[in-house]
Amino acid sequence: MKEILNEWGRERVPFIFLIDFESNKPLCWKLDNQKSPFKINFQGVKNYKKEQHDSKNSSITFKKYPISIGEYQLKFEEVKNNLLYGNSFLVNLTTSTPIDLELSLEEIFYNVHAKYSCWLENEFVCFSPETFITIKDGAIFSYPMKGTIDATIYDAKNILLNDSKEIAEHATIVDLIRNDLSLVSDNVEVSKFRFYEEIQTQDGIIGQISSEISGTLPNNYHEQIGDIIFKLLPAGSISGAPKQKTIEIIKKVEGIDRGYYTGIAGYFDGENLDSCVLIRYIEQNYNYRSGGGITFMSDLNNEYKEMIDKVYVPIF
C-alpha cells in the first residue's frame, strides 16, 4: 500500500487510509469513493453524505464488564518485570472489556461527539481524541497523549500536571516521537509540552495531557507520503520505548493481535494530511479496547482504574 499512497501523493489525489497496529492489513480508498466501507468524520471532514442520526442519548444504556483486578494484575506484573529487567522504559498495556450498548456500531458513529470518529462496516467503530500526525504547508506535527485523570476531582489539572509518574511517562513518549519525526523531517522541536484538555463522557469529564512536536518536511514530501506514514508506525504513544522491544513485550503479554485497535487512520486532501490513533474503540462483538502506559512507578490500582475509566461512549 505504501507505493499506492506515494503514487496518489505524486498525483495529488485525495485519499483516506486505515492501517492496523501490526501493519498486516492496511487499506486505502480515494476520498471521493462513496462506496467505501470505511466512513470518517475527522474534525468535520467526511467521506459520506448521509445525515447524522437523531441522538439517542436520552434512553441510552451503557454497561461495562471489565476483567477482574486479579486478571489485570497478572498482565501488569509481567510488564513490570520487563521494566525491572531493563527490557523497556514504558509499555502501553491494553485489555478488552465486554460492554452492553443498545446502539449499533453505525448508530454510535453517527451520534458520538469526538475529534475523530470512524466506522469500518462489520469491524469496529472508533471515536478518538488523539491526533497521530498532521501535515500542513510542509510542516509535520504529532500530538502524543499521555496522562489521564477524572477531571471532576478538585484541582485535577494541577494534580495531573504535577504527578511525577505522569511527567516521566509523558517525557519518555515525547522523546520517542521526537526521534520518530527526525526520521522523516528536519528542524524537529517540541513546540508545546504537556498541555491539558478535557473530554466529556457519559460518566463525567476526563482530563488528558498532550504535547506538540513539529518538524519541516522536504519540498517533495507529497511523493513520499506513503513512506512517511509507514516509517512512523506504530504510534509511540500506544506502544512504548524502546519501540521494537516493547512491541515484543506487548505481543507476549496481551496474547492477541490488536488489529486496527491502536492502529491509525487519516486522510490526505492533495496537499495536507490529518490522522488519528485508533483509541476509544469498540469491536463488532462489543468488546471495548482500552489501556494505558505502565512505567516502573505505576500503581496497580491506579492503572486498573484508568483502564476502566477509558471505557466510555461520548454520546450525551
Protein backbone atom coordinates (compact mmCIF):
# COMPACT_ATOMS: atom_id res chain seq x y z
CA MET A 1 0.00 0.00 0.00
CA LYS A 2 2.94 2.32 0.61
CA GLU A 3 3.61 2.57 -3.12
CA ILE A 4 -0.05 3.33 -3.87
CA LEU A 5 -0.03 6.22 -1.38
CA ASN A 6 3.21 7.54 -2.85
CA GLU A 7 1.68 7.43 -6.34
CA TRP A 8 -1.52 9.17 -5.20
CA GLY A 9 0.61 11.73 -3.39
CA ARG A 10 2.61 12.48 -6.55
CA GLU A 11 -0.66 12.92 -8.44
CA ARG A 12 -2.18 14.96 -5.56
CA VAL A 13 -5.11 12.54 -5.40
CA PRO A 14 -7.09 12.94 -2.13
CA PHE A 15 -7.36 9.64 -0.22
CA ILE A 16 -8.20 8.06 3.12
CA PHE A 17 -6.21 5.29 4.77
CA LEU A 18 -6.53 2.75 7.58
CA ILE A 19 -3.56 0.82 8.99
CA ASP A 20 -3.66 -1.79 11.74
CA PHE A 21 -1.21 -1.93 14.66
CA GLU A 22 0.72 -4.84 13.13
CA SER A 23 0.59 -3.33 9.60
CA ASN A 24 -0.76 -6.66 8.31
CA LYS A 25 -3.95 -5.41 6.64
CA PRO A 26 -3.63 -1.75 5.57
CA LEU A 27 -6.42 -0.30 3.44
CA CYS A 28 -6.84 2.85 1.37
CA TRP A 29 -9.50 4.48 -0.79
CA LYS A 30 -9.77 7.62 -2.85
CA LEU A 31 -11.54 10.25 -0.78
CA ASP A 32 -14.40 10.62 -3.26
CA ASN A 33 -15.21 6.88 -3.13
CA GLN A 34 -18.77 6.95 -1.78
CA LYS A 35 -18.88 3.13 -1.75
CA SER A 36 -16.03 2.80 0.72
CA PRO A 37 -16.96 0.60 3.72
CA PHE A 38 -14.87 2.94 5.89
CA LYS A 39 -16.57 6.15 6.97
CA ILE A 40 -14.80 9.05 8.67
CA ASN A 41 -15.68 12.33 10.33
CA PHE A 42 -12.33 13.95 11.12
CA GLN A 43 -12.95 17.41 12.56
CA GLY A 44 -15.74 17.95 10.03
CA VAL A 45 -14.06 16.30 7.05
CA LYS A 46 -16.38 13.48 5.90
CA ASN A 47 -16.39 10.93 3.09
CA TYR A 48 -20.16 10.33 3.16
CA LYS A 49 -23.31 12.33 2.52
CA LYS A 50 -25.66 10.63 4.97
CA GLU A 51 -27.07 12.96 7.59
CA GLN A 52 -26.32 12.34 11.24
CA HIS A 53 -28.94 10.29 13.06
CA ASP A 54 -31.03 11.81 15.80
CA SER A 55 -29.23 11.48 19.10
CA LYS A 56 -30.47 8.70 21.38
CA ASN A 57 -28.75 9.94 24.50
CA SER A 58 -31.98 10.25 26.47
CA SER A 59 -32.50 6.49 26.53
CA ILE A 60 -29.02 5.08 26.06
CA THR A 61 -28.00 2.21 28.33
CA PHE A 62 -24.30 1.57 28.73
CA LYS A 63 -22.75 -1.11 30.95
CA LYS A 64 -19.18 -2.38 31.12
CA TYR A 65 -17.79 -5.67 32.45
CA PRO A 66 -14.03 -5.25 32.93
CA ILE A 67 -11.68 -8.10 33.77
CA SER A 68 -11.05 -8.58 37.49
CA ILE A 69 -8.19 -6.76 39.13
CA GLY A 70 -6.61 -10.18 39.71
CA GLU A 71 -6.60 -10.92 35.97
CA TYR A 72 -5.25 -7.46 35.25
CA GLN A 73 -2.56 -7.87 37.91
CA LEU A 74 -1.07 -10.89 36.12
CA LYS A 75 -0.51 -8.81 32.97
CA PHE A 76 0.58 -5.77 34.97
CA GLU A 77 3.23 -7.72 36.90
CA GLU A 78 4.60 -9.32 33.73
CA VAL A 79 5.02 -5.85 32.26
CA LYS A 80 6.59 -4.58 35.48
CA ASN A 81 9.11 -7.46 35.42
CA ASN A 82 10.17 -6.49 31.91
CA LEU A 83 10.62 -2.92 33.08
CA LEU A 84 12.74 -4.03 36.04
CA TYR A 85 14.92 -6.16 33.73
CA GLY A 86 15.51 -3.10 31.54
CA ASN A 87 13.71 -4.51 28.50
CA SER A 88 11.58 -1.36 28.25
CA PHE A 89 11.09 2.02 29.91
CA LEU A 90 7.38 2.29 29.10
CA VAL A 91 4.83 -0.28 27.93
CA ASN A 92 1.30 0.50 26.78
CA LEU A 93 -0.81 -2.33 28.24
CA THR A 94 -4.32 -2.83 26.89
CA THR A 95 -7.25 -5.15 27.63
CA SER A 96 -10.73 -5.92 26.34
CA THR A 97 -13.90 -5.01 28.24
CA PRO A 98 -17.25 -6.51 27.12
CA ILE A 99 -19.99 -3.87 27.07
CA ASP A 100 -23.75 -3.68 26.77
CA LEU A 101 -24.91 -0.87 24.48
CA GLU A 102 -28.26 -0.69 22.76
CA LEU A 103 -26.90 1.09 19.69
CA SER A 104 -25.39 -0.45 16.55
CA LEU A 105 -21.85 0.50 15.62
CA GLU A 106 -23.29 2.59 12.80
CA GLU A 107 -25.58 4.46 15.20
CA ILE A 108 -22.66 5.08 17.54
CA PHE A 109 -20.64 6.52 14.66
CA TYR A 110 -23.35 8.98 13.65
CA ASN A 111 -24.02 10.13 17.21
CA VAL A 112 -20.68 10.39 19.01
CA HIS A 113 -19.00 13.70 19.76
CA ALA A 114 -15.31 13.25 19.07
CA LYS A 115 -12.37 14.92 17.39
CA TYR A 116 -12.01 11.89 15.12
CA SER A 117 -14.75 9.32 14.54
CA CYS A 118 -14.66 6.43 12.08
CA TRP A 119 -16.53 3.22 11.34
CA LEU A 120 -15.46 0.19 9.33
CA GLU A 121 -18.50 -1.89 8.44
CA ASN A 122 -18.64 -5.25 10.25
CA GLU A 123 -15.38 -4.46 12.06
CA PHE A 124 -15.29 -1.57 14.54
CA VAL A 125 -16.27 1.96 15.49
CA CYS A 126 -13.77 4.41 16.95
CA PHE A 127 -14.10 7.91 18.44
CA SER A 128 -10.56 9.04 19.08
CA PRO A 129 -9.37 12.20 20.83
CA GLU A 130 -5.73 11.66 19.79
CA THR A 131 -4.03 13.03 16.69
CA PHE A 132 -1.30 10.86 15.16
CA ILE A 133 0.28 13.28 12.68
CA THR A 134 -0.87 16.28 10.72
CA ILE A 135 0.90 17.81 7.73
CA LYS A 136 0.17 21.43 6.89
CA ASP A 137 2.07 23.69 4.49
CA GLY A 138 5.11 21.42 4.50
CA ALA A 139 5.33 21.09 8.29
CA ILE A 140 4.60 17.86 10.18
CA PHE A 141 3.13 17.76 13.68
CA SER A 142 2.49 14.98 16.19
CA TYR A 143 0.41 15.19 19.37
CA PRO A 144 1.13 12.26 21.72
CA MET A 145 -1.42 11.93 24.51
CA LYS A 146 -0.22 10.56 27.84
CA GLY A 147 -1.79 11.19 31.24
CA THR A 148 -5.44 10.83 32.26
CA ILE A 149 -7.46 11.90 35.30
CA ASP A 150 -11.05 12.24 36.48
CA ALA A 151 -11.49 15.95 35.81
CA THR A 152 -14.19 16.30 38.47
CA ILE A 153 -11.57 15.78 41.20
CA TYR A 154 -10.70 19.02 42.97
CA ASP A 155 -7.66 20.66 41.32
CA ALA A 156 -7.48 17.78 38.82
CA LYS A 157 -5.47 19.77 36.27
CA ASN A 158 -2.67 20.62 38.68
CA ILE A 159 -2.68 17.14 40.19
CA LEU A 160 -2.12 15.60 36.74
CA LEU A 161 0.40 18.21 35.60
CA ASN A 162 2.49 17.69 38.75
CA ASP A 163 2.28 13.89 39.02
CA SER A 164 5.87 12.59 38.85
CA LYS A 165 4.87 9.28 37.26
CA GLU A 166 2.85 11.04 34.56
CA ILE A 167 5.63 13.56 33.92
CA ALA A 168 8.19 10.79 33.40
CA GLU A 169 5.85 8.75 31.19
CA HIS A 170 4.96 11.73 29.05
CA ALA A 171 8.59 12.82 28.68
CA THR A 172 9.55 9.32 27.51
CA ILE A 173 6.91 9.36 24.77
CA VAL A 174 7.72 12.90 23.69
CA ASP A 175 11.37 11.90 23.29
CA LEU A 176 10.34 8.83 21.28
CA ILE A 177 8.08 10.85 18.97
CA ARG A 178 10.78 13.49 18.54
CA ASN A 179 13.16 10.78 17.37
CA ASP A 180 10.48 9.29 15.10
CA LEU A 181 9.79 12.62 13.40
CA SER A 182 13.55 13.03 12.86
CA LEU A 183 13.35 10.03 10.52
CA VAL A 184 11.19 11.96 8.06
CA SER A 185 11.75 15.67 8.76
CA ASP A 186 14.28 18.34 9.76
CA ASN A 187 14.26 21.03 12.47
CA VAL A 188 12.32 18.82 14.88
CA GLU A 189 11.30 20.53 18.10
CA VAL A 190 8.87 20.21 20.99
CA SER A 191 6.70 23.24 20.27
CA LYS A 192 4.27 22.66 23.17
CA PHE A 193 5.00 20.47 26.19
CA ARG A 194 2.26 18.92 28.35
CA PHE A 195 -0.90 20.94 27.77
CA TYR A 196 -4.18 19.97 29.45
CA GLU A 197 -7.51 19.22 27.73
CA GLU A 198 -10.87 17.87 28.89
CA ILE A 199 -13.20 15.36 27.23
CA GLN A 200 -16.87 14.90 28.08
CA THR A 201 -18.07 11.32 28.57
CA GLN A 202 -21.36 9.81 29.70
CA ASP A 203 -19.76 9.26 33.12
CA GLY A 204 -18.33 12.76 33.50
CA ILE A 205 -15.28 14.67 32.31
CA ILE A 206 -11.82 13.18 31.72
CA GLY A 207 -8.71 15.37 31.79
CA GLN A 208 -5.81 14.45 29.50
CA ILE A 209 -2.30 15.72 28.75
CA SER A 210 -0.78 16.12 25.28
CA SER A 211 2.29 17.70 23.70
CA GLU A 212 3.05 19.07 20.23
CA ILE A 213 6.20 18.05 18.33
CA SER A 214 6.90 19.54 14.90
CA GLY A 215 9.33 19.28 12.01
CA THR A 216 9.92 20.51 8.45
CA LEU A 217 9.36 18.12 5.53
CA PRO A 218 11.27 18.12 2.22
CA ASN A 219 9.67 20.01 -0.67
CA ASN A 220 8.73 16.76 -2.45
CA TYR A 221 7.03 15.18 0.59
CA HIS A 222 3.88 14.53 -1.46
CA GLU A 223 5.82 11.94 -3.47
CA GLN A 224 6.88 10.17 -0.25
CA ILE A 225 3.62 10.36 1.68
CA GLY A 226 3.32 6.57 2.00
CA ASP A 227 6.94 6.25 3.15
CA ILE A 228 6.43 8.99 5.74
CA ILE A 229 3.36 7.34 7.22
CA PHE A 230 4.83 3.84 7.45
CA LYS A 231 8.18 5.00 8.86
CA LEU A 232 6.37 6.40 11.90
CA LEU A 233 4.39 3.24 12.73
CA PRO A 234 3.25 2.09 15.15
CA ALA A 235 2.41 5.23 17.11
CA GLY A 236 4.75 5.66 20.05
CA SER A 237 2.02 6.70 22.49
CA ILE A 238 0.30 3.31 22.24
CA SER A 239 3.40 1.13 22.07
CA GLY A 240 6.25 2.37 24.26
CA ALA A 241 10.01 2.79 24.37
CA PRO A 242 12.24 1.44 23.01
CA LYS A 243 9.62 0.75 20.38
CA GLN A 244 10.59 -2.59 18.80
CA LYS A 245 11.44 -4.40 22.03
CA THR A 246 8.31 -3.01 23.67
CA ILE A 247 6.16 -4.30 20.80
CA GLU A 248 7.53 -7.79 21.52
CA ILE A 249 6.51 -7.43 25.18
CA ILE A 250 3.03 -6.22 24.22
CA LYS A 251 2.51 -9.19 21.91
CA LYS A 252 3.55 -11.65 24.61
CA VAL A 253 1.60 -10.10 27.50
CA GLU A 254 -1.60 -9.27 25.63
CA GLY A 255 -1.63 -12.59 23.80
CA ILE A 256 -3.70 -11.44 20.80
CA ASP A 257 -3.19 -9.17 17.82
CA ARG A 258 -4.57 -5.69 18.29
CA GLY A 259 -5.67 -5.44 14.68
CA TYR A 260 -6.98 -1.99 13.82
CA TYR A 261 -7.12 -1.06 17.51
CA THR A 262 -4.24 1.36 18.22
CA GLY A 263 -3.51 1.50 14.51
CA ILE A 264 -4.03 4.75 12.63
CA ALA A 265 -6.48 6.28 10.18
CA GLY A 266 -6.39 9.51 8.22
CA TYR A 267 -6.91 11.44 5.03
CA PHE A 268 -4.79 13.39 2.55
CA ASP A 269 -6.55 16.20 0.66
CA GLY A 270 -3.90 16.54 -2.05
CA GLU A 271 -1.79 18.98 -0.05
CA ASN A 272 -2.29 18.46 3.68
CA LEU A 273 -2.90 15.44 5.90
CA ASP A 274 -4.69 14.70 9.16
CA SER A 275 -4.72 11.39 11.05
CA CYS A 276 -5.56 9.85 14.39
CA VAL A 277 -4.57 6.99 16.66
CA LEU A 278 -7.38 4.42 16.85
CA ILE A 279 -8.16 4.51 20.57
CA ARG A 280 -11.63 4.62 22.24
CA TYR A 281 -12.51 1.62 20.14
CA ILE A 282 -15.42 -0.87 20.05
CA GLU A 283 -15.17 -4.12 18.10
CA GLN A 284 -18.07 -5.70 16.23
CA ASN A 285 -18.59 -8.17 19.12
CA TYR A 286 -18.93 -5.20 21.53
CA ASN A 287 -15.55 -5.62 23.17
CA TYR A 288 -14.19 -2.24 24.14
CA ARG A 289 -10.38 -1.99 23.95
CA SER A 290 -8.60 0.31 26.40
CA GLY A 291 -5.36 0.63 28.33
CA GLY A 292 -2.56 2.88 29.49
CA GLY A 293 1.16 3.35 29.84
CA ILE A 294 3.00 1.35 32.51
CA THR A 295 6.29 2.55 33.99
CA PHE A 296 8.28 1.32 36.99
CA MET A 297 6.42 3.96 39.07
CA SER A 298 2.95 2.73 38.05
CA ASP A 299 0.47 1.71 40.74
CA LEU A 300 -1.69 -1.36 40.08
CA ASN A 301 -4.94 0.12 41.37
CA ASN A 302 -4.49 3.43 39.56
CA GLU A 303 -3.71 1.73 36.23
CA TYR A 304 -6.65 -0.66 36.60
CA LYS A 305 -8.98 2.28 37.27
CA GLU A 306 -7.60 4.23 34.31
CA MET A 307 -8.20 1.26 32.01
CA ILE A 308 -11.85 1.16 33.15
CA ASP A 309 -12.34 4.95 33.06
CA LYS A 310 -11.33 4.98 29.39
CA VAL A 311 -14.28 2.71 28.57
CA TYR A 312 -16.88 5.31 27.60
CA VAL A 313 -19.01 6.45 24.68
CA PRO A 314 -19.24 10.24 24.15
CA ILE A 315 -22.96 10.44 23.44
CA PHE A 316 -24.55 13.00 25.77
